[in-house]
Every structure is written in structure tokens, then in C-alpha cells.
């Protein structure tokens, strides 16, 4: 797929820009997987594939990843796509390693853009590597404290990363 996505006259980007930003997001997912020991690197790459696919089509509203220990939030990160990120300075992926905790689980929640209609879902069938299911968990991270973030950008496409920790 080699299409140019145009959202406004001042916000133009290509699939190559999404791919460049997603390399950084993928690196973050793999670092989270490796440091927590919950996912394999291959599983993190499958999640990144699906996130990238949704971003390329303009169907992604946000991605939230939470490290849980026996059901309690320990650390979280949220990625918010932005199609007007042309003035951003792109950061390097990484940061503080996530801890290994007992009773660990990683929860990844996708938030879809309004454009992800039933017709769009039909078009996307069979393209994902993960079998997605509805999730109604609270991802406000009210019990955690905001702990920084990063911006990843190429042309007008970007992902803002926000972090929370206990």
C-alpha cells in the first residue's frame, strides 16, 4: 500500500512517514516486552503491525498499554496519533525499563477513530495478526502519576507518547 493520506491542506504525510514513526513505537513495545518478560518480542511486533495498519488507514484514535501486577496498575503508556505533527522534534524510543513484577500481565487497548465504521471493519478483516476483542477496562490511570513522555514524528504524522508510573 503506497497511498498519501491528506487530512488538511497543511497536514500531509505518506505511508512511509507512518512506517518511520511506527519503527519507534515498535521499539518501545519490544523494550516493554523484553523488560517485563510478559510478551515475546515476536508478540510485541504483531501488536505493532496491527497498530501500524490502523494508523495507515486513519482508523487509530489511541493505544494504551498497562503493566498490571495481580490486577493492579504498575506502569502505563499511551500513544496518541497526530496528523499535524510537522513542527515536532522526534525523540528516540526507550526510556526507563519497565519492571518485572509478580503476577504480571500487559493489557493493550486500542481506541478506534470514528472513521472505523462497520464497513471499514469489513475491509480490515483478515489483515490483523492479533484477534482483537472488546475491552471495557478503565484506562484513565487514576492510581498512577504522569511521568513524562516523548514525541515521534515524520512530516505531519506523529505519535505522542505519555507515560505513567506508580
N, C-alpha and C. Protein backbone atom coordinates (compact mmCIF):
# COMPACT_ATOMS: atom_id res chain seq x y z
N UNK A 1 0.85 -1.15 0.00
CA UNK A 1 0.00 0.00 0.00
C UNK A 1 0.90 1.23 0.00
N UNK A 2 0.73 2.07 -0.98
CA UNK A 2 1.53 3.27 -1.06
C UNK A 2 0.62 4.44 -1.40
N UNK A 3 -0.10 4.85 -0.39
CA UNK A 3 -1.03 5.94 -0.60
C UNK A 3 -0.58 7.16 0.19
N UNK A 4 -1.01 8.32 -0.21
CA UNK A 4 -0.74 9.53 0.53
C UNK A 4 -2.01 9.89 1.28
N UNK A 5 -1.87 10.07 2.58
CA UNK A 5 -3.01 10.46 3.39
C UNK A 5 -2.98 11.97 3.57
N UNK A 6 -4.07 12.61 3.27
CA UNK A 6 -4.16 14.05 3.42
C UNK A 6 -5.33 14.37 4.33
N UNK A 7 -5.07 14.99 5.45
CA UNK A 7 -6.11 15.33 6.40
C UNK A 7 -6.54 16.80 6.24
N UNK A 8 -5.58 17.70 6.10
CA UNK A 8 -5.86 19.11 5.84
C UNK A 8 -4.81 19.60 4.86
N UNK A 9 -4.97 20.79 4.39
CA UNK A 9 -4.01 21.33 3.42
C UNK A 9 -2.62 21.41 4.01
N UNK A 10 -2.51 21.60 5.33
CA UNK A 10 -1.19 21.76 5.94
C UNK A 10 -0.67 20.48 6.58
N UNK A 11 -1.45 19.41 6.55
CA UNK A 11 -1.05 18.18 7.23
C UNK A 11 -1.02 17.02 6.25
N UNK A 12 0.09 16.85 5.54
CA UNK A 12 0.22 15.77 4.58
C UNK A 12 1.34 14.83 5.01
N UNK A 13 1.09 13.54 4.85
CA UNK A 13 2.10 12.54 5.16
C UNK A 13 1.82 11.32 4.29
N UNK A 14 2.80 10.45 4.20
CA UNK A 14 2.67 9.23 3.41
C UNK A 14 2.75 8.01 4.31
N UNK A 15 2.51 6.85 3.73
CA UNK A 15 2.68 5.61 4.48
C UNK A 15 4.10 5.48 5.00
N UNK A 16 5.07 5.97 4.24
CA UNK A 16 6.47 5.90 4.68
C UNK A 16 6.67 6.69 5.97
N UNK A 17 5.96 7.81 6.14
CA UNK A 17 6.05 8.58 7.38
C UNK A 17 5.46 7.80 8.55
N UNK A 18 4.32 7.15 8.32
CA UNK A 18 3.71 6.32 9.36
C UNK A 18 4.68 5.19 9.74
N UNK A 19 5.29 4.56 8.74
CA UNK A 19 6.23 3.46 9.00
C UNK A 19 7.42 3.94 9.82
N UNK A 20 7.93 5.12 9.51
CA UNK A 20 9.08 5.67 10.24
C UNK A 20 8.72 5.90 11.72
N UNK A 21 7.56 6.48 11.96
CA UNK A 21 7.11 6.71 13.34
C UNK A 21 6.86 5.38 14.03
N UNK A 22 6.26 4.44 13.32
CA UNK A 22 5.94 3.14 13.92
C UNK A 22 7.19 2.33 14.26
N UNK A 23 8.30 2.57 13.60
CA UNK A 23 9.55 1.89 13.99
C UNK A 23 9.91 2.26 15.43
N UNK A 24 9.66 3.50 15.81
CA UNK A 24 9.94 3.94 17.18
C UNK A 24 8.94 3.33 18.17
N UNK A 25 7.67 3.33 17.78
CA UNK A 25 6.64 2.72 18.63
C UNK A 25 6.92 1.23 18.79
N UNK A 26 7.26 0.55 17.70
CA UNK A 26 7.59 -0.88 17.75
C UNK A 26 8.76 -1.12 18.70
N UNK A 27 9.77 -0.27 18.63
CA UNK A 27 10.93 -0.40 19.53
C UNK A 27 10.48 -0.28 20.99
N UNK A 28 9.59 0.66 21.27
CA UNK A 28 9.06 0.80 22.63
C UNK A 28 8.33 -0.47 23.06
N UNK A 29 7.49 -1.01 22.19
CA UNK A 29 6.74 -2.21 22.53
C UNK A 29 7.67 -3.39 22.81
N UNK A 30 8.70 -3.53 22.00
CA UNK A 30 9.66 -4.62 22.20
C UNK A 30 10.43 -4.43 23.50
N UNK A 31 10.81 -3.18 23.81
CA UNK A 31 11.50 -2.92 25.08
C UNK A 31 10.59 -3.24 26.27
N UNK A 32 9.31 -2.89 26.17
CA UNK A 32 8.35 -3.21 27.24
C UNK A 32 8.23 -4.72 27.38
N UNK A 33 8.12 -5.41 26.26
CA UNK A 33 8.01 -6.88 26.28
C UNK A 33 9.24 -7.51 26.92
N UNK A 34 10.42 -7.08 26.48
CA UNK A 34 11.66 -7.67 26.99
C UNK A 34 11.87 -7.39 28.47
N UNK A 35 11.62 -6.15 28.89
CA UNK A 35 11.92 -5.80 30.28
C UNK A 35 10.92 -6.41 31.26
N UNK A 36 9.65 -6.56 30.86
CA UNK A 36 8.66 -7.15 31.76
C UNK A 36 8.67 -8.67 31.70
N UNK A 37 9.09 -9.22 30.56
CA UNK A 37 9.07 -10.66 30.39
C UNK A 37 7.68 -11.23 30.13
N UNK A 38 6.69 -10.36 29.90
CA UNK A 38 5.31 -10.83 29.73
C UNK A 38 5.05 -11.27 28.29
N UNK A 39 5.49 -10.48 27.32
CA UNK A 39 5.33 -10.82 25.90
C UNK A 39 6.68 -11.21 25.32
N UNK A 40 6.65 -11.97 24.24
CA UNK A 40 7.86 -12.18 23.46
C UNK A 40 8.04 -10.97 22.54
N UNK A 41 9.22 -10.82 22.00
CA UNK A 41 9.46 -9.76 21.01
C UNK A 41 8.58 -9.96 19.79
N UNK A 42 8.36 -11.22 19.42
CA UNK A 42 7.51 -11.52 18.26
C UNK A 42 6.07 -11.08 18.51
N UNK A 43 5.56 -11.29 19.72
CA UNK A 43 4.20 -10.86 20.05
C UNK A 43 4.11 -9.34 20.02
N UNK A 44 5.12 -8.65 20.55
CA UNK A 44 5.14 -7.18 20.51
C UNK A 44 5.13 -6.68 19.07
N UNK A 45 5.86 -7.36 18.19
CA UNK A 45 5.91 -6.98 16.77
C UNK A 45 4.54 -7.20 16.11
N UNK A 46 3.81 -8.24 16.52
CA UNK A 46 2.46 -8.46 15.98
C UNK A 46 1.52 -7.32 16.39
N UNK A 47 1.62 -6.90 17.66
CA UNK A 47 0.81 -5.76 18.10
C UNK A 47 1.18 -4.52 17.29
N UNK A 48 2.47 -4.29 17.09
CA UNK A 48 2.93 -3.12 16.34
C UNK A 48 2.40 -3.16 14.90
N UNK A 49 2.38 -4.33 14.30
CA UNK A 49 1.86 -4.49 12.94
C UNK A 49 0.42 -3.99 12.86
N UNK A 50 -0.42 -4.43 13.80
CA UNK A 50 -1.83 -4.05 13.78
C UNK A 50 -2.02 -2.57 14.05
N UNK A 51 -1.23 -2.01 14.97
CA UNK A 51 -1.30 -0.58 15.26
C UNK A 51 -0.92 0.22 14.01
N UNK A 52 0.14 -0.20 13.34
CA UNK A 52 0.58 0.49 12.12
C UNK A 52 -0.49 0.43 11.04
N UNK A 53 -1.11 -0.71 10.88
CA UNK A 53 -2.15 -0.87 9.88
C UNK A 53 -3.31 0.10 10.14
N UNK A 54 -3.76 0.16 11.38
CA UNK A 54 -4.83 1.09 11.73
C UNK A 54 -4.40 2.55 11.53
N UNK A 55 -3.16 2.86 11.86
CA UNK A 55 -2.67 4.23 11.68
C UNK A 55 -2.62 4.62 10.20
N UNK A 56 -2.18 3.70 9.36
CA UNK A 56 -2.09 4.00 7.92
C UNK A 56 -3.45 4.31 7.32
N UNK A 57 -4.48 3.65 7.81
CA UNK A 57 -5.82 3.88 7.28
C UNK A 57 -6.54 5.04 7.97
N UNK A 58 -5.93 5.60 9.01
CA UNK A 58 -6.57 6.69 9.74
C UNK A 58 -7.63 6.21 10.72
N UNK A 59 -7.56 4.93 11.12
CA UNK A 59 -8.56 4.34 12.00
C UNK A 59 -8.15 4.32 13.46
N UNK A 60 -6.95 4.80 13.79
CA UNK A 60 -6.43 4.71 15.15
C UNK A 60 -6.65 6.00 15.92
N UNK A 61 -7.31 5.89 17.06
CA UNK A 61 -7.50 7.04 17.95
C UNK A 61 -6.42 7.07 19.03
N UNK A 62 -6.09 5.91 19.61
CA UNK A 62 -5.08 5.82 20.65
C UNK A 62 -4.75 4.37 20.94
N UNK A 63 -3.60 4.17 21.59
CA UNK A 63 -3.17 2.85 22.06
C UNK A 63 -2.75 3.02 23.51
N UNK A 64 -3.26 2.16 24.38
CA UNK A 64 -2.93 2.22 25.79
C UNK A 64 -2.37 0.88 26.23
N UNK A 65 -1.19 0.90 26.85
CA UNK A 65 -0.56 -0.33 27.35
C UNK A 65 -0.33 -0.16 28.84
N UNK A 66 -0.77 -1.15 29.61
CA UNK A 66 -0.66 -1.08 31.06
C UNK A 66 -0.02 -2.35 31.59
N UNK A 67 0.96 -2.18 32.47
CA UNK A 67 1.55 -3.30 33.21
C UNK A 67 0.76 -3.46 34.49
N UNK A 68 0.23 -4.66 34.69
CA UNK A 68 -0.55 -4.98 35.88
C UNK A 68 0.19 -6.02 36.71
N UNK A 69 0.09 -5.89 38.03
CA UNK A 69 0.61 -6.89 38.96
C UNK A 69 -0.56 -7.34 39.81
N UNK A 70 -0.97 -8.59 39.61
CA UNK A 70 -2.15 -9.13 40.31
C UNK A 70 -3.34 -8.19 40.13
N UNK A 71 -3.49 -7.64 38.92
CA UNK A 71 -4.64 -6.81 38.60
C UNK A 71 -4.49 -5.33 38.94
N UNK A 72 -3.39 -4.95 39.60
CA UNK A 72 -3.18 -3.55 39.97
C UNK A 72 -2.20 -2.89 39.00
N UNK A 73 -2.51 -1.66 38.59
CA UNK A 73 -1.66 -0.94 37.66
C UNK A 73 -0.31 -0.58 38.28
N UNK A 74 0.76 -0.84 37.52
CA UNK A 74 2.11 -0.53 37.96
C UNK A 74 2.71 0.57 37.08
N UNK A 75 2.48 0.47 35.78
CA UNK A 75 3.06 1.39 34.81
C UNK A 75 2.16 1.40 33.58
N UNK A 76 2.16 2.53 32.86
CA UNK A 76 1.33 2.60 31.66
C UNK A 76 1.93 3.58 30.66
N UNK A 77 1.54 3.40 29.42
CA UNK A 77 1.94 4.30 28.34
C UNK A 77 0.77 4.41 27.38
N UNK A 78 0.61 5.59 26.84
CA UNK A 78 -0.45 5.81 25.84
C UNK A 78 0.17 6.50 24.64
N UNK A 79 -0.18 5.99 23.46
CA UNK A 79 0.26 6.58 22.19
C UNK A 79 -0.95 7.22 21.52
N UNK A 80 -0.84 8.50 21.22
CA UNK A 80 -1.90 9.23 20.53
C UNK A 80 -1.38 9.71 19.19
N UNK A 81 -1.99 9.24 18.08
CA UNK A 81 -1.56 9.72 16.77
C UNK A 81 -1.95 11.18 16.57
N UNK A 82 -1.14 11.86 15.78
CA UNK A 82 -1.38 13.27 15.48
C UNK A 82 -1.02 13.50 14.02
N UNK A 83 -1.93 14.06 13.25
CA UNK A 83 -1.69 14.28 11.83
C UNK A 83 -1.27 15.72 11.53
N UNK A 84 -0.93 16.46 12.58
CA UNK A 84 -0.42 17.82 12.41
C UNK A 84 0.85 17.99 13.23
N UNK A 85 1.73 17.01 13.15
CA UNK A 85 2.93 16.97 13.97
C UNK A 85 4.17 17.49 13.24
N UNK A 86 3.97 18.26 12.17
CA UNK A 86 5.08 18.73 11.36
C UNK A 86 6.12 19.55 12.11
N UNK A 87 5.73 20.23 13.16
CA UNK A 87 6.66 21.07 13.92
C UNK A 87 7.33 20.32 15.08
N UNK A 88 6.94 19.07 15.30
CA UNK A 88 7.51 18.31 16.41
C UNK A 88 8.96 17.94 16.15
N UNK A 89 9.71 17.82 17.22
CA UNK A 89 11.04 17.22 17.18
C UNK A 89 10.87 15.78 17.62
N UNK A 90 11.38 14.85 16.83
CA UNK A 90 11.19 13.43 17.13
C UNK A 90 12.20 12.96 18.17
N UNK A 91 11.70 12.25 19.17
CA UNK A 91 12.54 11.68 20.23
C UNK A 91 13.02 10.29 19.84
N UNK A 92 13.96 9.79 20.60
CA UNK A 92 14.38 8.40 20.43
C UNK A 92 13.48 7.52 21.27
N UNK A 93 13.24 6.29 20.83
CA UNK A 93 12.41 5.40 21.64
C UNK A 93 13.14 4.98 22.91
N UNK A 94 12.40 4.41 23.83
CA UNK A 94 13.02 3.88 25.04
C UNK A 94 12.64 4.67 26.26
N UNK A 95 13.58 4.78 27.16
CA UNK A 95 13.33 5.42 28.44
C UNK A 95 13.59 4.43 29.54
N UNK A 96 12.93 4.64 30.64
CA UNK A 96 13.11 3.77 31.81
C UNK A 96 12.55 2.39 31.50
N UNK A 97 13.31 1.36 31.84
CA UNK A 97 12.84 -0.01 31.63
C UNK A 97 11.68 -0.30 32.57
N UNK A 98 10.75 -1.06 32.08
CA UNK A 98 9.62 -1.46 32.90
C UNK A 98 10.04 -2.61 33.81
N UNK A 99 9.51 -2.66 35.03
CA UNK A 99 9.95 -3.69 35.98
C UNK A 99 9.35 -5.06 35.70
N UNK A 100 10.02 -6.08 36.21
CA UNK A 100 9.43 -7.43 36.26
C UNK A 100 8.73 -7.52 37.60
N UNK A 101 7.45 -7.88 37.56
CA UNK A 101 6.66 -7.94 38.78
C UNK A 101 5.97 -9.29 38.87
N UNK A 102 5.61 -9.68 40.09
CA UNK A 102 4.88 -10.93 40.24
C UNK A 102 3.45 -10.75 39.75
N UNK A 103 2.87 -11.82 39.25
CA UNK A 103 1.50 -11.76 38.75
C UNK A 103 1.35 -10.78 37.59
N UNK A 104 2.39 -10.68 36.78
CA UNK A 104 2.42 -9.68 35.71
C UNK A 104 1.51 -10.00 34.55
N UNK A 105 0.92 -8.94 34.00
CA UNK A 105 0.14 -9.02 32.77
C UNK A 105 0.28 -7.68 32.07
N UNK A 106 0.29 -7.71 30.76
CA UNK A 106 0.27 -6.48 29.97
C UNK A 106 -1.07 -6.41 29.26
N UNK A 107 -1.75 -5.27 29.41
CA UNK A 107 -3.03 -5.05 28.74
C UNK A 107 -2.82 -3.99 27.67
N UNK A 108 -3.16 -4.33 26.44
CA UNK A 108 -3.08 -3.38 25.33
C UNK A 108 -4.50 -3.11 24.86
N UNK A 109 -4.89 -1.84 24.89
CA UNK A 109 -6.24 -1.43 24.48
C UNK A 109 -6.11 -0.49 23.29
N UNK A 110 -6.82 -0.81 22.23
CA UNK A 110 -6.88 0.07 21.06
C UNK A 110 -8.14 0.92 21.14
N UNK A 111 -8.00 2.19 20.80
CA UNK A 111 -9.15 3.08 20.66
C UNK A 111 -9.23 3.44 19.19
N UNK A 112 -10.41 3.22 18.61
CA UNK A 112 -10.60 3.44 17.18
C UNK A 112 -11.15 4.82 16.89
N UNK A 113 -10.74 5.39 15.77
CA UNK A 113 -11.26 6.66 15.29
C UNK A 113 -12.69 6.45 14.80
N UNK A 114 -13.44 7.53 14.73
CA UNK A 114 -14.83 7.45 14.26
C UNK A 114 -14.94 6.87 12.86
N UNK A 115 -13.89 7.02 12.05
CA UNK A 115 -13.90 6.52 10.68
C UNK A 115 -13.88 4.99 10.61
N UNK A 116 -13.62 4.33 11.74
CA UNK A 116 -13.57 2.87 11.75
C UNK A 116 -15.00 2.33 11.89
N UNK A 117 -15.73 2.45 10.83
CA UNK A 117 -17.13 2.05 10.76
C UNK A 117 -17.24 0.55 10.53
N UNK A 118 -18.47 0.05 10.50
CA UNK A 118 -18.66 -1.37 10.23
C UNK A 118 -18.17 -1.73 8.83
N UNK A 119 -18.31 -0.81 7.86
CA UNK A 119 -17.77 -1.06 6.52
C UNK A 119 -16.25 -1.14 6.56
N UNK A 120 -15.62 -0.26 7.32
CA UNK A 120 -14.16 -0.28 7.45
C UNK A 120 -13.70 -1.56 8.13
N UNK A 121 -14.42 -2.00 9.14
CA UNK A 121 -14.08 -3.25 9.83
C UNK A 121 -14.12 -4.43 8.86
N UNK A 122 -15.09 -4.40 7.98
CA UNK A 122 -15.21 -5.47 6.98
C UNK A 122 -14.00 -5.48 6.05
N UNK A 123 -13.57 -4.30 5.62
CA UNK A 123 -12.40 -4.17 4.74
C UNK A 123 -11.13 -4.66 5.44
N UNK A 124 -11.05 -4.43 6.74
CA UNK A 124 -9.84 -4.78 7.50
C UNK A 124 -9.79 -6.25 7.92
N UNK A 125 -10.90 -6.95 7.81
CA UNK A 125 -10.94 -8.37 8.21
C UNK A 125 -9.83 -9.14 7.53
N UNK A 126 -9.14 -9.96 8.32
CA UNK A 126 -8.09 -10.81 7.78
C UNK A 126 -6.74 -10.14 7.65
N UNK A 127 -6.64 -8.85 7.94
CA UNK A 127 -5.37 -8.14 7.81
C UNK A 127 -4.59 -8.08 9.13
N UNK A 128 -5.26 -8.36 10.24
CA UNK A 128 -4.63 -8.25 11.55
C UNK A 128 -3.90 -9.53 11.94
N UNK A 129 -2.89 -9.38 12.77
CA UNK A 129 -2.16 -10.54 13.30
C UNK A 129 -2.72 -10.98 14.65
N UNK A 130 -3.43 -10.07 15.32
CA UNK A 130 -3.99 -10.34 16.64
C UNK A 130 -5.51 -10.48 16.50
N UNK A 131 -6.09 -11.39 17.28
CA UNK A 131 -7.55 -11.50 17.35
C UNK A 131 -8.02 -10.53 18.44
N UNK A 132 -8.57 -9.40 18.02
CA UNK A 132 -8.97 -8.36 18.96
C UNK A 132 -10.36 -8.64 19.51
N UNK A 133 -10.55 -8.29 20.78
CA UNK A 133 -11.85 -8.46 21.44
C UNK A 133 -12.18 -7.16 22.18
N UNK A 134 -13.46 -6.87 22.38
CA UNK A 134 -13.83 -5.65 23.10
C UNK A 134 -13.25 -5.63 24.51
N UNK A 135 -12.92 -4.44 24.97
CA UNK A 135 -12.38 -4.24 26.32
C UNK A 135 -13.07 -3.03 26.91
N UNK A 136 -13.50 -3.15 28.13
CA UNK A 136 -14.20 -2.04 28.79
C UNK A 136 -13.47 -1.59 30.05
N UNK A 137 -12.19 -1.92 30.16
CA UNK A 137 -11.40 -1.54 31.33
C UNK A 137 -11.17 -0.03 31.37
N UNK A 138 -11.04 0.48 32.57
CA UNK A 138 -10.73 1.89 32.78
C UNK A 138 -9.24 2.09 32.50
N UNK A 139 -8.91 2.97 31.58
CA UNK A 139 -7.51 3.25 31.26
C UNK A 139 -7.15 4.70 31.60
N UNK A 140 -7.83 5.27 32.58
CA UNK A 140 -7.53 6.65 32.99
C UNK A 140 -6.26 6.72 33.83
N UNK A 141 -5.82 5.61 34.38
CA UNK A 141 -4.61 5.51 35.20
C UNK A 141 -4.67 6.45 36.40
N UNK A 142 -5.84 6.53 37.01
CA UNK A 142 -6.06 7.43 38.15
C UNK A 142 -5.15 7.11 39.34
N UNK A 143 -4.74 5.85 39.47
CA UNK A 143 -3.87 5.46 40.58
C UNK A 143 -2.38 5.64 40.29
N UNK A 144 -2.06 6.11 39.10
CA UNK A 144 -0.67 6.32 38.71
C UNK A 144 -0.39 7.81 38.56
N UNK A 145 0.88 8.15 38.49
CA UNK A 145 1.31 9.54 38.32
C UNK A 145 1.94 9.71 36.96
N UNK A 146 1.55 10.78 36.27
CA UNK A 146 2.17 11.07 34.97
C UNK A 146 3.67 11.19 35.16
N UNK A 147 4.43 10.57 34.25
CA UNK A 147 5.89 10.55 34.42
C UNK A 147 6.64 10.87 33.13
N UNK A 148 6.08 11.76 32.33
CA UNK A 148 6.81 12.20 31.14
C UNK A 148 6.22 11.62 29.87
N UNK A 149 7.03 11.68 28.83
CA UNK A 149 6.60 11.18 27.54
C UNK A 149 7.59 11.54 26.46
N UNK A 150 7.22 11.27 25.23
CA UNK A 150 8.07 11.53 24.08
C UNK A 150 7.19 11.80 22.88
N UNK A 151 7.76 12.40 21.86
CA UNK A 151 7.07 12.60 20.58
C UNK A 151 7.86 11.90 19.50
N UNK A 152 7.16 11.19 18.62
CA UNK A 152 7.75 10.57 17.45
C UNK A 152 7.06 11.17 16.24
N UNK A 153 7.83 11.68 15.27
CA UNK A 153 7.21 12.35 14.13
C UNK A 153 8.01 12.17 12.85
N UNK A 154 7.27 12.21 11.74
CA UNK A 154 7.85 12.25 10.40
C UNK A 154 6.86 13.01 9.53
N UNK A 155 7.31 14.10 8.93
CA UNK A 155 6.42 15.00 8.19
C UNK A 155 5.29 15.42 9.12
N UNK A 156 4.05 15.28 8.69
CA UNK A 156 2.93 15.72 9.52
C UNK A 156 2.37 14.62 10.42
N UNK A 157 2.89 13.39 10.30
CA UNK A 157 2.38 12.30 11.12
C UNK A 157 3.24 12.12 12.36
N UNK A 158 2.59 11.97 13.51
CA UNK A 158 3.33 11.76 14.74
C UNK A 158 2.55 10.92 15.72
N UNK A 159 3.27 10.44 16.73
CA UNK A 159 2.67 9.74 17.86
C UNK A 159 3.20 10.43 19.11
N UNK A 160 2.27 10.89 19.94
CA UNK A 160 2.66 11.43 21.24
C UNK A 160 2.57 10.29 22.23
N UNK A 161 3.67 10.09 22.96
CA UNK A 161 3.71 9.03 23.98
C UNK A 161 3.64 9.70 25.35
N UNK A 162 2.67 9.26 26.16
CA UNK A 162 2.56 9.73 27.54
C UNK A 162 2.75 8.55 28.47
N UNK A 163 3.50 8.76 29.55
CA UNK A 163 3.85 7.69 30.49
C UNK A 163 3.26 7.95 31.86
N UNK A 164 2.94 6.86 32.57
CA UNK A 164 2.50 6.91 33.95
C UNK A 164 3.25 5.83 34.75
N UNK A 165 3.47 6.10 36.04
CA UNK A 165 4.13 5.13 36.91
C UNK A 165 3.53 5.22 38.31
N UNK A 166 3.71 4.15 39.08
CA UNK A 166 3.19 4.11 40.46
C UNK A 166 4.06 4.97 41.36
